[in-house]
Amino acid sequence: MLQFYNSLSKKKESFKPIKDSEVKMYTCGPTVYDFAHIGNLRAYIFEDLLRRYLKFKGFKVVQVMNLTDVDDKTIKGSKKENISLEKFTEKFKKAFFEDLKVLNIEKAEFYPEATKTIPEMVELIKKLLKNGLAYKGDDKSIYFSIKKFKNYGKLSGFKIKELKEGARVSQDEYDKENARDFALWKAFSEDDGNVFWETELGKGRPGWHIECSAMSIKHLGEQFDIHTGGVDNKFPHHENEIAQSEGATGKKFVNFWLHCDHLIVDGQKMSKSLGNFYTLRDLLKKGFSPASLRFLLLSTHYRSKLNFTEKAVKEAEIKVEKFDEFISKLNAVKSEKGIKAKKLIETASSDFENAMDDDLNISLALTSLNDFMKEANKLLDEEKLSKSSAEKILSFLNEINSVLGVMSFEEQKLEKELLDLIEEREKARKEKDWKKADEIRDTLKSKGIELSDTKDSVRWKKI
């Protein structure tokens, strides 16, 4: 039975979607004021792992990932560069989709933009005003009264007993110590420059929190199955989403809340001042492969902190290379003689699925996969695996990779010059000219090709 740790109930629960065989999921996307850093990418890869595993389990997934293109940060950035909000955010939207492609993150069904969902936000705020949960402040902005929402704090554990009546906060981000009634609609201020909309609510712009409620409800309905994001979004953002969504509809907003923990770098919080702030582009310039970065970012359980180090990336690179080498060895099997691998595959499949069913326990799932590869490699090295068994293992790996997204099944090709050298060496071996064979082996190694001789053939791999 598939189980997830629900941040709302603070315990693991068996997962059952509202509609049989279909999962509706909202994942927090980027605020497009800068390039995504590796902490953001860790969250996106966790959400991709979740999406892929739900599909692996046979569910149809409808995923919404928002683009926050109007908030305090985007306005500040566009003013600093003295360009329009649209022009400022466009380059970061483009970079975001480039990052998803590089890291092999599957596309969501919808990528709504906040600036294109203003009418839906206005309607939601009007419902909150009608229901007595929102009010207009003396600054003409519209605020949500958190004391009037009975269960405020049920996600984050925030207690509102000592909250000062009528105290308000207009900025998008704040901590529990500074909690106040939050802005749903911000009346126009000179600080916003040319960023405003003329609506029934007055001239102004939306607050950050109402944006996600409007975008999720528009595409997924008033109730849906899963909402994900980083643990730092629990308060105030997700708490406010629940309050304003349920306050407007009178229905339970989301059944399962899944939050991934922080990414730290070399044991420290990531920050530009410490010089340990990395975007994907920074890491690619260092020569790290996208597959190794993806593997590292998904290989720690999502509810555990991930310590990102260059050493860890290099170790991930080796693990990805082992997958490629294993696949290459399986493709090289030609003999129909050998043992059947049915039981080996069944055990590995069951172990992998049991681990992932337990709140996406990726660490245990990867351990089981590694154990399977060790056993299969032993059979390969002893030339005890038949071609049909090798093909079945490749098929199994393809299924696993539909979840992991880090393996390459494209057959590696060599230049004719190198293939000719391998053929020349094989001829020397048949003629028992061991000196020449060794010389050619050394030449190939100097060109980055390592050979491995078997009874019937020779295998090669790039090093």
Protein backbone atom coordinates (compact mmCIF):
# COMPACT_ATOMS: atom_id res chain seq x y z
CA MET A 1 0.00 0.00 0.00
CA LEU A 2 1.36 3.38 -1.03
CA GLN A 3 1.91 5.65 1.97
CA PHE A 4 2.98 9.29 2.33
CA TYR A 5 3.89 11.34 5.37
CA ASN A 6 1.16 13.99 5.49
CA SER A 7 2.40 17.29 6.94
CA LEU A 8 -1.22 18.10 7.80
CA SER A 9 -1.82 15.05 10.03
CA LYS A 10 1.87 14.75 11.06
CA LYS A 11 1.86 11.02 10.27
CA LYS A 12 2.10 8.50 7.45
CA GLU A 13 -1.19 7.74 5.76
CA SER A 14 -2.28 5.31 3.07
CA PHE A 15 -2.74 7.24 -0.14
CA LYS A 16 -6.04 7.14 -1.97
CA PRO A 17 -6.92 9.82 -4.52
CA ILE A 18 -10.28 11.58 -4.57
CA LYS A 19 -10.96 10.15 -8.03
CA ASP A 20 -9.96 6.54 -8.67
CA SER A 21 -6.77 6.16 -10.74
CA GLU A 22 -6.25 9.93 -11.14
CA VAL A 23 -4.05 12.16 -8.97
CA LYS A 24 -4.37 15.93 -9.00
CA MET A 25 -1.21 17.59 -7.71
CA TYR A 26 0.00 21.16 -7.21
CA THR A 27 3.73 21.76 -6.95
CA CYS A 28 5.25 25.08 -5.94
CA GLY A 29 7.12 26.50 -8.91
CA PRO A 30 9.67 29.29 -9.17
CA THR A 31 9.44 32.95 -8.32
CA VAL A 32 11.04 34.18 -11.53
CA TYR A 33 13.32 36.95 -10.24
CA ASP A 34 16.58 34.98 -10.55
CA PHE A 35 17.99 31.68 -11.80
CA ALA A 36 16.86 28.65 -9.79
CA HIS A 37 19.48 27.55 -7.22
CA ILE A 38 20.19 23.95 -6.26
CA GLY A 39 17.88 24.17 -3.23
CA ASN A 40 15.00 24.96 -5.62
CA LEU A 41 16.14 22.19 -7.94
CA ARG A 42 16.16 19.68 -5.08
CA ALA A 43 12.46 20.45 -4.53
CA TYR A 44 11.63 20.20 -8.25
CA ILE A 45 13.39 16.83 -8.52
CA PHE A 46 11.58 15.51 -5.43
CA GLU A 47 8.30 16.57 -7.05
CA ASP A 48 9.37 14.92 -10.31
CA LEU A 49 10.22 11.69 -8.45
CA LEU A 50 6.77 11.78 -6.84
CA ARG A 51 5.07 12.40 -10.18
CA ARG A 52 7.02 9.63 -11.91
CA TYR A 53 6.35 7.12 -9.14
CA LEU A 54 2.62 7.84 -9.13
CA LYS A 55 2.63 7.12 -12.88
CA PHE A 56 4.69 3.97 -12.25
CA LYS A 57 1.91 2.87 -9.87
CA GLY A 58 -0.64 3.29 -12.66
CA PHE A 59 -2.15 6.65 -11.78
CA LYS A 60 -2.93 9.34 -14.30
CA VAL A 61 -1.29 12.50 -12.96
CA VAL A 62 -2.56 16.02 -13.53
CA GLN A 63 0.14 18.35 -12.25
CA VAL A 64 0.09 22.11 -11.94
CA MET A 65 3.34 24.01 -11.38
CA ASN A 66 2.94 27.75 -10.98
CA LEU A 67 5.17 30.57 -12.13
CA THR A 68 5.15 33.49 -9.68
CA ASP A 69 5.83 36.43 -11.98
CA VAL A 70 4.45 39.22 -9.80
CA ASP A 71 5.44 39.68 -6.16
CA ASP A 72 7.72 41.87 -4.06
CA LYS A 73 10.90 40.32 -5.50
CA THR A 74 10.00 40.44 -9.19
CA ILE A 75 8.86 44.07 -8.91
CA LYS A 76 12.04 45.05 -7.08
CA GLY A 77 14.15 43.30 -9.74
CA SER A 78 12.38 44.91 -12.69
CA LYS A 79 12.71 48.37 -11.11
CA LYS A 80 16.41 47.81 -10.44
CA GLU A 81 17.02 46.93 -14.11
CA ASN A 82 14.61 49.65 -15.26
CA ILE A 83 12.64 47.32 -17.53
CA SER A 84 9.05 46.09 -17.57
CA LEU A 85 7.98 43.30 -15.23
CA GLU A 86 7.17 41.11 -18.24
CA LYS A 87 10.59 41.61 -19.83
CA PHE A 88 12.38 41.09 -16.52
CA THR A 89 10.64 37.81 -15.69
CA GLU A 90 10.72 36.41 -19.23
CA LYS A 91 14.44 35.53 -19.16
CA PHE A 92 14.06 33.67 -15.87
CA LYS A 93 11.01 31.76 -17.11
CA LYS A 94 13.04 30.67 -20.13
CA ALA A 95 15.98 29.64 -17.89
CA PHE A 96 13.62 27.67 -15.62
CA PHE A 97 12.33 25.54 -18.50
CA GLU A 98 15.88 25.02 -19.74
CA ASP A 99 16.85 23.73 -16.29
CA LEU A 100 13.92 21.29 -16.25
CA LYS A 101 14.97 19.90 -19.62
CA VAL A 102 18.64 19.52 -18.62
CA LEU A 103 17.71 17.68 -15.41
CA ASN A 104 15.23 15.40 -17.21
CA ILE A 105 12.29 16.68 -15.16
CA GLU A 106 8.99 15.71 -16.78
CA LYS A 107 6.70 18.46 -17.94
CA ALA A 108 3.67 19.27 -15.81
CA GLU A 109 0.28 19.49 -17.48
CA PHE A 110 -0.13 23.18 -16.59
CA TYR A 111 2.27 26.06 -15.89
CA PRO A 112 -0.04 28.95 -14.97
CA GLU A 113 1.45 32.41 -14.60
CA ALA A 114 0.24 34.68 -11.81
CA THR A 115 -0.04 37.72 -14.10
CA LYS A 116 -2.48 35.78 -16.32
CA THR A 117 -4.70 34.64 -13.44
CA ILE A 118 -5.71 38.04 -11.99
CA PRO A 119 -9.50 37.67 -12.70
CA GLU A 120 -9.56 34.38 -10.76
CA MET A 121 -7.76 36.02 -7.83
CA VAL A 122 -10.27 38.88 -7.78
CA GLU A 123 -13.19 36.43 -7.68
CA LEU A 124 -11.61 34.50 -4.81
CA ILE A 125 -11.04 37.68 -2.80
CA LYS A 126 -14.65 38.77 -3.42
CA LYS A 127 -15.84 35.46 -1.92
CA LEU A 128 -13.66 36.03 1.15
CA LEU A 129 -15.10 39.54 1.59
CA LYS A 130 -18.62 38.13 1.26
CA ASN A 131 -17.85 35.39 3.82
CA GLY A 132 -16.58 37.96 6.33
CA LEU A 133 -13.01 36.64 6.33
CA ALA A 134 -11.47 39.60 4.50
CA TYR A 135 -11.64 43.35 5.08
CA LYS A 136 -10.37 46.58 3.58
CA GLY A 137 -7.68 48.29 5.61
CA ASP A 138 -7.18 52.02 6.06
CA ASP A 139 -4.51 51.81 3.34
CA LYS A 140 -7.22 50.54 0.91
CA SER A 141 -5.52 47.15 0.67
CA ILE A 142 -7.59 44.02 1.38
CA TYR A 143 -6.46 41.70 4.19
CA PHE A 144 -7.38 38.24 5.42
CA SER A 145 -8.46 38.13 9.07
CA ILE A 146 -6.70 35.04 10.38
CA LYS A 147 -8.55 35.15 13.74
CA LYS A 148 -11.81 34.64 11.88
CA PHE A 149 -10.60 31.42 10.27
CA LYS A 150 -11.24 28.76 12.89
CA ASN A 151 -8.39 26.36 12.07
CA TYR A 152 -5.60 28.77 11.20
CA GLY A 153 -2.29 27.09 12.08
CA LYS A 154 -3.37 23.49 11.49
CA LEU A 155 -0.53 22.86 9.03
CA SER A 156 2.35 24.71 10.67
CA GLY A 157 1.26 24.49 14.31
CA PHE A 158 1.10 28.28 14.63
CA LYS A 159 -0.95 29.53 17.61
CA ILE A 160 -2.83 32.81 17.18
CA LYS A 161 -3.86 33.44 20.79
CA GLU A 162 -1.41 36.27 21.32
CA LEU A 163 -1.92 37.89 17.94
CA LYS A 164 -2.67 41.59 18.22
CA GLU A 165 -6.15 42.40 16.88
CA GLY A 166 -6.06 44.24 13.55
CA ALA A 167 -2.27 44.02 13.14
CA ARG A 168 -1.40 43.65 9.45
CA VAL A 169 1.55 42.75 7.25
CA SER A 170 1.84 43.74 3.61
CA GLN A 171 5.11 42.03 2.64
CA ASP A 172 4.86 38.61 1.02
CA GLU A 173 7.33 36.77 3.25
CA TYR A 174 7.56 36.83 7.03
CA ASP A 175 8.10 34.46 9.94
CA LYS A 176 5.88 33.30 12.79
CA GLU A 177 7.18 36.02 15.13
CA ASN A 178 5.90 38.66 12.70
CA ALA A 179 2.60 37.01 11.81
CA ARG A 180 -0.29 39.36 11.09
CA ASP A 181 -3.38 39.52 8.92
CA PHE A 182 -1.90 39.15 5.45
CA ALA A 183 -2.56 41.09 2.25
CA LEU A 184 -4.81 39.53 -0.37
CA TRP A 185 -4.88 42.63 -2.58
CA LYS A 186 -2.30 45.40 -2.28
CA ALA A 187 -3.55 48.89 -3.09
CA PHE A 188 -1.39 50.71 -5.62
CA SER A 189 1.76 52.23 -4.22
CA GLU A 190 4.36 54.38 -6.01
CA ASP A 191 6.86 51.67 -5.04
CA ASP A 192 5.15 49.32 -7.52
CA GLY A 193 5.83 51.64 -10.47
CA ASN A 194 3.88 50.41 -13.50
CA VAL A 195 2.82 47.12 -11.93
CA PHE A 196 -0.92 47.32 -11.19
CA TRP A 197 -4.34 46.17 -12.38
CA GLU A 198 -7.57 48.15 -12.42
CA THR A 199 -10.21 45.82 -10.89
CA GLU A 200 -13.40 45.85 -8.82
CA LEU A 201 -11.12 45.66 -5.78
CA GLY A 202 -9.41 48.91 -6.76
CA LYS A 203 -6.14 49.74 -8.46
CA GLY A 204 -3.41 47.42 -7.22
CA ARG A 205 -1.89 43.96 -7.40
CA PRO A 206 -2.34 40.59 -5.68
CA GLY A 207 -0.49 39.38 -2.61
CA TRP A 208 1.72 36.34 -3.13
CA HIS A 209 -0.41 33.87 -1.17
CA ILE A 210 -3.70 34.37 -3.05
CA GLU A 211 -1.92 33.66 -6.34
CA CYS A 212 -1.37 29.96 -5.62
CA SER A 213 -4.92 29.42 -4.35
CA ALA A 214 -6.35 30.93 -7.53
CA MET A 215 -4.04 29.02 -9.87
CA SER A 216 -4.55 25.64 -8.17
CA ILE A 217 -8.34 25.98 -7.93
CA LYS A 218 -8.58 27.10 -11.57
CA HIS A 219 -6.84 24.00 -12.90
CA LEU A 220 -7.48 21.33 -10.25
CA GLY A 221 -10.78 22.32 -8.66
CA GLU A 222 -11.69 23.36 -5.11
CA GLN A 223 -10.40 20.06 -3.68
CA PHE A 224 -7.44 18.03 -4.87
CA ASP A 225 -5.09 15.27 -3.74
CA ILE A 226 -1.52 16.50 -3.18
CA HIS A 227 0.22 19.82 -2.58
CA THR A 228 4.02 19.85 -2.37
CA GLY A 229 6.79 22.34 -1.68
CA GLY A 230 9.80 23.10 0.46
CA VAL A 231 9.51 22.94 4.24
CA ASP A 232 10.18 26.71 4.37
CA ASN A 233 6.83 27.27 2.62
CA LYS A 234 4.76 25.68 5.40
CA PHE A 235 4.50 29.05 7.10
CA PRO A 236 3.26 31.49 6.07
CA HIS A 237 2.62 30.55 2.45
CA HIS A 238 0.93 27.16 2.67
CA GLU A 239 -0.85 28.05 5.90
CA ASN A 240 -2.31 31.09 4.16
CA GLU A 241 -3.24 29.07 1.08
CA ILE A 242 -5.31 26.73 3.24
CA ALA A 243 -7.01 29.58 5.09
CA GLN A 244 -8.00 31.61 2.04
CA SER A 245 -8.98 28.57 -0.10
CA GLU A 246 -11.11 26.89 2.55
CA GLY A 247 -12.42 30.27 3.69
CA ALA A 248 -13.70 30.95 0.17
CA THR A 249 -15.07 27.50 -0.72
CA GLY A 250 -16.03 26.00 2.64
CA LYS A 251 -14.36 22.74 1.54
CA LYS A 252 -11.19 20.92 2.57
CA PHE A 253 -8.54 22.29 0.21
CA VAL A 254 -5.93 19.49 -0.08
CA ASN A 255 -5.81 15.96 1.34
CA PHE A 256 -2.02 15.40 1.40
CA TRP A 257 0.72 17.97 2.02
CA LEU A 258 4.26 16.77 1.24
CA HIS A 259 7.25 18.95 2.15
CA CYS A 260 10.92 18.39 1.34
CA ASP A 261 13.64 19.48 3.74
CA HIS A 262 16.42 22.00 3.14
CA LEU A 263 19.51 21.56 1.02
CA ILE A 264 22.73 22.69 2.69
CA VAL A 265 26.16 23.09 1.08
CA ASP A 266 29.28 21.69 2.76
CA GLY A 267 27.34 21.52 6.02
CA GLN A 268 26.29 25.18 5.92
CA LYS A 269 23.22 27.11 4.86
CA MET A 270 23.56 28.16 1.24
CA SER A 271 24.11 31.89 0.75
CA LYS A 272 25.82 34.19 -1.71
CA SER A 273 27.83 35.80 1.10
CA LEU A 274 29.43 32.42 1.94
CA GLY A 275 30.27 31.78 -1.71
CA ASN A 276 28.40 28.45 -1.66
CA PHE A 277 25.37 29.56 -3.71
CA TYR A 278 25.06 27.47 -6.90
CA THR A 279 22.75 27.52 -9.88
CA LEU A 280 22.61 24.65 -12.35
CA ARG A 281 24.69 26.72 -14.77
CA ASP A 282 27.42 27.14 -12.15
CA LEU A 283 27.68 23.39 -11.67
CA LEU A 284 27.64 22.53 -15.38
CA LYS A 285 30.55 24.94 -15.85
CA LYS A 286 32.47 22.88 -13.28
CA GLY A 287 32.09 19.88 -15.59
CA PHE A 288 29.45 17.94 -13.63
CA SER A 289 27.00 15.95 -15.74
CA PRO A 290 23.24 16.59 -15.53
CA ALA A 291 22.65 12.90 -14.73
CA SER A 292 25.03 12.97 -11.75
CA LEU A 293 23.41 16.15 -10.39
CA ARG A 294 19.93 14.67 -10.80
CA PHE A 295 21.02 11.44 -9.11
CA LEU A 296 22.54 13.29 -6.15
CA LEU A 297 19.50 15.53 -5.68
CA LEU A 298 17.05 12.61 -5.68
CA SER A 299 19.11 10.05 -3.74
CA THR A 300 18.47 11.45 -0.23
CA HIS A 301 14.98 10.97 1.23
CA TYR A 302 12.95 14.10 0.63
CA ARG A 303 12.21 14.67 4.33
CA SER A 304 15.92 14.59 5.25
CA LYS A 305 18.37 17.44 4.83
CA LEU A 306 20.61 17.01 1.80
CA ASN A 307 24.26 18.03 2.25
CA PHE A 308 25.53 19.06 -1.18
CA THR A 309 29.29 18.73 -1.70
CA GLU A 310 31.48 18.46 -4.78
CA LYS A 311 32.72 15.13 -3.44
CA ALA A 312 29.13 13.88 -3.32
CA VAL A 313 28.59 14.93 -6.96
CA LYS A 314 31.71 13.00 -8.01
CA GLU A 315 30.45 9.94 -6.13
CA ALA A 316 27.07 10.31 -7.87
CA GLU A 317 28.91 10.49 -11.21
CA ILE A 318 30.55 7.12 -10.46
CA LYS A 319 27.18 5.58 -9.60
CA VAL A 320 25.62 6.83 -12.83
CA GLU A 321 28.60 5.45 -14.78
CA LYS A 322 27.99 2.06 -13.12
CA PHE A 323 24.44 2.09 -14.49
CA ASP A 324 25.77 2.85 -17.97
CA GLU A 325 28.44 0.16 -17.72
CA PHE A 326 25.88 -2.40 -16.53
CA ILE A 327 23.57 -1.58 -19.45
CA SER A 328 26.49 -1.83 -21.88
CA LYS A 329 27.44 -5.28 -20.53
CA LEU A 330 23.84 -6.48 -20.86
CA ASN A 331 23.69 -5.28 -24.47
CA ALA A 332 26.90 -7.21 -25.22
CA VAL A 333 25.47 -10.62 -24.21
CA LYS A 334 25.20 -12.80 -27.32
CA SER A 335 24.94 -16.38 -26.06
CA GLU A 336 21.55 -18.01 -25.57
CA LYS A 337 23.07 -20.32 -22.97
CA GLY A 338 22.81 -19.37 -19.33
CA ILE A 339 20.49 -19.13 -16.37
CA LYS A 340 17.09 -17.44 -16.35
CA ALA A 341 16.85 -14.22 -14.38
CA LYS A 342 13.11 -14.24 -13.70
CA LYS A 343 13.35 -14.74 -9.92
CA LEU A 344 16.19 -12.22 -9.61
CA ILE A 345 14.12 -9.58 -11.42
CA GLU A 346 10.95 -10.33 -9.44
CA THR A 347 12.79 -9.95 -6.12
CA ALA A 348 14.45 -6.69 -7.21
CA SER A 349 11.15 -5.31 -8.51
CA SER A 350 9.33 -6.16 -5.29
CA ASP A 351 12.09 -4.68 -3.09
CA PHE A 352 12.21 -1.45 -5.11
CA GLU A 353 8.43 -0.99 -5.05
CA ASN A 354 8.07 -1.83 -1.35
CA ALA A 355 10.69 0.81 -0.51
CA MET A 356 9.12 3.48 -2.70
CA ASP A 357 5.63 2.67 -1.39
CA ASP A 358 6.90 3.66 2.05
CA ASP A 359 6.84 7.45 1.64
CA LEU A 360 9.24 7.37 -1.35
CA ASN A 361 12.06 5.71 0.58
CA ILE A 362 14.53 6.28 -2.23
CA SER A 363 17.60 5.37 -0.16
CA LEU A 364 16.30 1.84 0.47
CA ALA A 365 15.07 1.56 -3.13
CA LEU A 366 18.53 2.42 -4.49
CA THR A 367 20.16 -0.05 -2.07
CA SER A 368 17.92 -2.83 -3.38
CA LEU A 369 18.76 -1.84 -6.96
CA ASN A 370 22.48 -1.85 -6.16
CA ASP A 371 22.20 -5.35 -4.61
CA PHE A 372 20.42 -6.56 -7.73
CA MET A 373 23.13 -5.13 -10.00
CA LYS A 374 25.86 -6.84 -7.95
CA GLU A 375 24.21 -10.22 -8.41
CA ALA A 376 23.55 -9.68 -12.10
CA ASN A 377 27.08 -8.36 -12.69
CA LYS A 378 28.51 -11.48 -11.08
CA LEU A 379 26.53 -13.62 -13.53
CA LEU A 380 27.68 -11.42 -16.41
CA ASP A 381 31.33 -11.65 -15.41
CA GLU A 382 31.03 -15.44 -15.13
CA GLU A 383 29.21 -15.48 -18.51
CA LYS A 384 26.27 -17.32 -16.96
CA LEU A 385 23.52 -14.97 -18.18
CA SER A 386 21.60 -15.75 -21.39
CA LYS A 387 20.77 -13.14 -24.02
CA SER A 388 17.03 -13.43 -23.30
CA SER A 389 17.68 -12.88 -19.57
CA ALA A 390 19.85 -9.86 -20.36
CA GLU A 391 17.00 -8.43 -22.45
CA LYS A 392 14.53 -8.99 -19.58
CA ILE A 393 16.87 -7.19 -17.18
CA LEU A 394 17.15 -4.29 -19.62
CA SER A 395 13.36 -4.12 -19.79
CA PHE A 396 13.21 -4.08 -15.98
CA LEU A 397 15.82 -1.29 -15.83
CA ASN A 398 13.76 0.73 -18.29
CA GLU A 399 10.80 0.49 -15.91
CA ILE A 400 12.93 1.56 -12.94
CA ASN A 401 14.39 4.40 -14.96
CA SER A 402 10.90 5.70 -15.70
CA VAL A 403 11.03 6.65 -11.99
CA LEU A 404 14.71 7.60 -11.59
CA GLY A 405 15.41 9.23 -14.95
CA VAL A 406 19.21 8.88 -14.70
CA MET A 407 20.08 5.93 -16.95
CA SER A 408 21.04 6.08 -20.61
CA PHE A 409 19.94 3.29 -22.92
CA GLU A 410 21.43 4.79 -26.07
CA GLU A 411 24.11 2.54 -27.48
CA GLN A 412 27.49 4.21 -27.20
CA LYS A 413 29.33 4.55 -30.48
CA LEU A 414 33.01 4.78 -31.27
CA GLU A 415 34.85 6.45 -34.11
CA LYS A 416 35.92 4.10 -36.93
CA GLU A 417 39.58 4.61 -36.04
CA LEU A 418 39.01 3.21 -32.51
CA LEU A 419 36.83 0.35 -33.73
CA ASP A 420 39.55 -0.58 -36.21
CA LEU A 421 42.09 -0.69 -33.36
CA ILE A 422 39.83 -2.99 -31.33
CA GLU A 423 39.44 -5.26 -34.36
CA GLU A 424 43.22 -5.23 -34.96
CA ARG A 425 43.79 -6.21 -31.33
CA GLU A 426 41.30 -9.07 -31.61
CA LYS A 427 43.21 -10.33 -34.65
CA ALA A 428 46.52 -10.12 -32.69
CA ARG A 429 44.97 -12.09 -29.81
CA LYS A 430 43.75 -14.83 -32.15
CA GLU A 431 47.28 -15.02 -33.58
CA LYS A 432 48.62 -15.05 -29.97
CA ASP A 433 50.65 -11.90 -30.60
CA TRP A 434 50.26 -10.82 -26.98
CA LYS A 435 52.80 -8.00 -27.20
CA LYS A 436 50.95 -6.28 -30.02
CA ALA A 437 47.59 -6.88 -28.28
CA ASP A 438 48.89 -5.25 -25.10
CA GLU A 439 50.31 -2.29 -27.02
CA ILE A 440 46.95 -1.67 -28.71
CA ARG A 441 45.16 -1.99 -25.34
CA ASP A 442 47.47 0.70 -23.91
CA THR A 443 46.92 2.93 -26.93
CA LEU A 444 43.14 2.64 -26.52
CA LYS A 445 43.38 3.37 -22.80
CA SER A 446 45.35 6.55 -23.55
CA LYS A 447 42.43 7.56 -25.81
CA GLY A 448 39.90 6.94 -23.01
CA ILE A 449 38.74 3.45 -23.97
CA GLU A 450 39.03 0.55 -21.51
CA LEU A 451 38.74 -3.03 -22.75
CA SER A 452 37.42 -6.10 -20.97
CA ASP A 453 37.97 -9.52 -22.57
CA THR A 454 35.41 -12.32 -22.38
CA LYS A 455 35.48 -15.88 -23.71
CA ASP A 456 33.59 -14.95 -26.89
CA SER A 457 34.24 -11.24 -27.38
CA VAL A 458 35.65 -8.01 -26.03
CA ARG A 459 33.74 -5.27 -24.23
CA TRP A 460 34.75 -1.63 -24.20
CA LYS A 461 33.76 1.40 -22.20
CA LYS A 462 34.67 5.07 -22.20
CA ILE A 463 36.64 6.23 -19.18
